[in-house]
Amino acid sequence: MGKILFLIGLGLVIYLLLKNYKRSLNRPDKDMPAERGPEDMVKCAHCGVNLPRSEAIFTQGEFFCTAEHQRLGRK
């Protein structure tokens, strides 16, 4: 009788551990940044290098890759 209760208890523990593990797989990680979709690329008006819009400097209707190129202006 003791062995049966032990096996039932062991089975319950394994079930609860697997259920908790499965639930943790559905939760997004807090350490990982959220995935973003593709971003528009723009061309630096001075040197012509392509870079993501979020990293570009926008001045007077033109994009620049660095503050130095922004200062130098269109080539």
C-alpha atoms as a PDB file:
ATOM      1  CA  MET A   1       0.000   0.000   0.000  1.00  0.00           C
ATOM      2  CA  GLY A   2       2.885   2.360   0.832  1.00  0.00           C
ATOM      3  CA  LYS A   3       4.463   1.794  -2.581  1.00  0.00           C
ATOM      4  CA  ILE A   4       1.218   2.722  -4.366  1.00  0.00           C
ATOM      5  CA  LEU A   5       0.889   5.995  -2.402  1.00  0.00           C
ATOM      6  CA  PHE A   6       4.557   6.770  -3.098  1.00  0.00           C
ATOM      7  CA  LEU A   7       4.101   6.201  -6.853  1.00  0.00           C
ATOM      8  CA  ILE A   8       0.931   8.335  -6.927  1.00  0.00           C
ATOM      9  CA  GLY A   9       2.756  11.136  -5.079  1.00  0.00           C
ATOM     10  CA  LEU A  10       5.749  10.870  -7.409  1.00  0.00           C
ATOM     11  CA  GLY A  11       3.461  10.985 -10.439  1.00  0.00           C
ATOM     12  CA  LEU A  12       1.721  14.090  -9.059  1.00  0.00           C
ATOM     13  CA  VAL A  13       5.047  15.865  -8.490  1.00  0.00           C
ATOM     14  CA  ILE A  14       6.212  15.050 -12.031  1.00  0.00           C
ATOM     15  CA  TYR A  15       2.878  16.229 -13.462  1.00  0.00           C
ATOM     16  CA  LEU A  16       3.077  19.551 -11.598  1.00  0.00           C
ATOM     17  CA  LEU A  17       6.695  20.121 -12.659  1.00  0.00           C
ATOM     18  CA  LEU A  18       5.874  19.469 -16.330  1.00  0.00           C
ATOM     19  CA  LYS A  19       2.799  21.711 -16.161  1.00  0.00           C
ATOM     20  CA  ASN A  20       4.860  24.558 -14.671  1.00  0.00           C
ATOM     21  CA  TYR A  21       7.602  24.067 -17.281  1.00  0.00           C
ATOM     22  CA  LYS A  22       5.076  24.122 -20.134  1.00  0.00           C
ATOM     23  CA  ARG A  23       3.532  27.337 -18.769  1.00  0.00           C
ATOM     24  CA  SER A  24       6.985  28.981 -18.566  1.00  0.00           C
ATOM     25  CA  LEU A  25       7.591  28.217 -22.261  1.00  0.00           C
ATOM     26  CA  ASN A  26       4.543  30.303 -23.238  1.00  0.00           C
ATOM     27  CA  ARG A  27       5.701  33.343 -21.245  1.00  0.00           C
ATOM     28  CA  PRO A  28       7.973  35.825 -23.062  1.00  0.00           C
ATOM     29  CA  ASP A  29      11.383  36.326 -21.457  1.00  0.00           C
ATOM     30  CA  LYS A  30      11.815  39.577 -19.586  1.00  0.00           C
ATOM     31  CA  ASP A  31      15.549  39.588 -20.374  1.00  0.00           C
ATOM     32  CA  MET A  32      15.024  39.287 -24.120  1.00  0.00           C
ATOM     33  CA  PRO A  33      13.934  42.403 -26.003  1.00  0.00           C
ATOM     34  CA  ALA A  34      10.723  42.116 -27.968  1.00  0.00           C
ATOM     35  CA  GLU A  35      11.215  41.187 -31.580  1.00  0.00           C
ATOM     36  CA  ARG A  36      10.756  44.035 -33.969  1.00  0.00           C
ATOM     37  CA  GLY A  37       9.851  43.752 -37.593  1.00  0.00           C
ATOM     38  CA  PRO A  38      12.056  44.890 -40.450  1.00  0.00           C
ATOM     39  CA  GLU A  39      13.043  48.544 -40.355  1.00  0.00           C
ATOM     40  CA  ASP A  40      13.315  51.011 -43.224  1.00  0.00           C
ATOM     41  CA  MET A  41      16.838  51.739 -44.398  1.00  0.00           C
ATOM     42  CA  VAL A  42      17.950  55.244 -45.382  1.00  0.00           C
ATOM     43  CA  LYS A  43      21.018  56.566 -47.177  1.00  0.00           C
ATOM     44  CA  CYS A  44      23.406  59.116 -45.688  1.00  0.00           C
ATOM     45  CA  ALA A  45      23.276  62.295 -47.805  1.00  0.00           C
ATOM     46  CA  HIS A  46      27.029  62.811 -47.346  1.00  0.00           C
ATOM     47  CA  CYS A  47      28.711  59.410 -47.792  1.00  0.00           C
ATOM     48  CA  GLY A  48      25.888  57.248 -49.157  1.00  0.00           C
ATOM     49  CA  VAL A  49      26.087  54.527 -46.502  1.00  0.00           C
ATOM     50  CA  ASN A  50      22.803  52.735 -45.746  1.00  0.00           C
ATOM     51  CA  LEU A  51      21.650  52.570 -42.133  1.00  0.00           C
ATOM     52  CA  PRO A  52      18.425  51.899 -40.192  1.00  0.00           C
ATOM     53  CA  ARG A  53      16.099  54.895 -39.947  1.00  0.00           C
ATOM     54  CA  SER A  54      16.157  54.732 -36.126  1.00  0.00           C
ATOM     55  CA  GLU A  55      19.953  55.226 -36.080  1.00  0.00           C
ATOM     56  CA  ALA A  56      20.036  58.041 -38.647  1.00  0.00           C
ATOM     57  CA  ILE A  57      20.136  61.755 -37.917  1.00  0.00           C
ATOM     58  CA  PHE A  58      17.390  63.633 -39.795  1.00  0.00           C
ATOM     59  CA  THR A  59      18.054  67.278 -40.646  1.00  0.00           C
ATOM     60  CA  GLN A  60      16.382  69.556 -43.198  1.00  0.00           C
ATOM     61  CA  GLY A  61      14.775  66.673 -45.059  1.00  0.00           C
ATOM     62  CA  GLU A  62      17.971  64.570 -45.323  1.00  0.00           C
ATOM     63  CA  PHE A  63      19.424  61.661 -43.368  1.00  0.00           C
ATOM     64  CA  PHE A  64      22.994  61.487 -42.080  1.00  0.00           C
ATOM     65  CA  CYS A  65      24.927  58.629 -40.466  1.00  0.00           C
ATOM     66  CA  THR A  66      26.952  60.745 -37.986  1.00  0.00           C
ATOM     67  CA  ALA A  67      26.931  64.219 -36.473  1.00  0.00           C
ATOM     68  CA  GLU A  68      30.132  64.962 -38.421  1.00  0.00           C
ATOM     69  CA  HIS A  69      28.438  64.214 -41.740  1.00  0.00           C
ATOM     70  CA  GLN A  70      25.440  66.247 -40.610  1.00  0.00           C
ATOM     71  CA  ARG A  71      27.794  69.185 -39.965  1.00  0.00           C
ATOM     72  CA  LEU A  72      29.499  68.763 -43.363  1.00  0.00           C
ATOM     73  CA  GLY A  73      26.175  68.568 -45.175  1.00  0.00           C
ATOM     74  CA  ARG A  74      25.312  67.068 -48.562  1.00  0.00           C
ATOM     75  CA  LYS A  75      28.274  66.012 -50.702  1.00  0.00           C
END
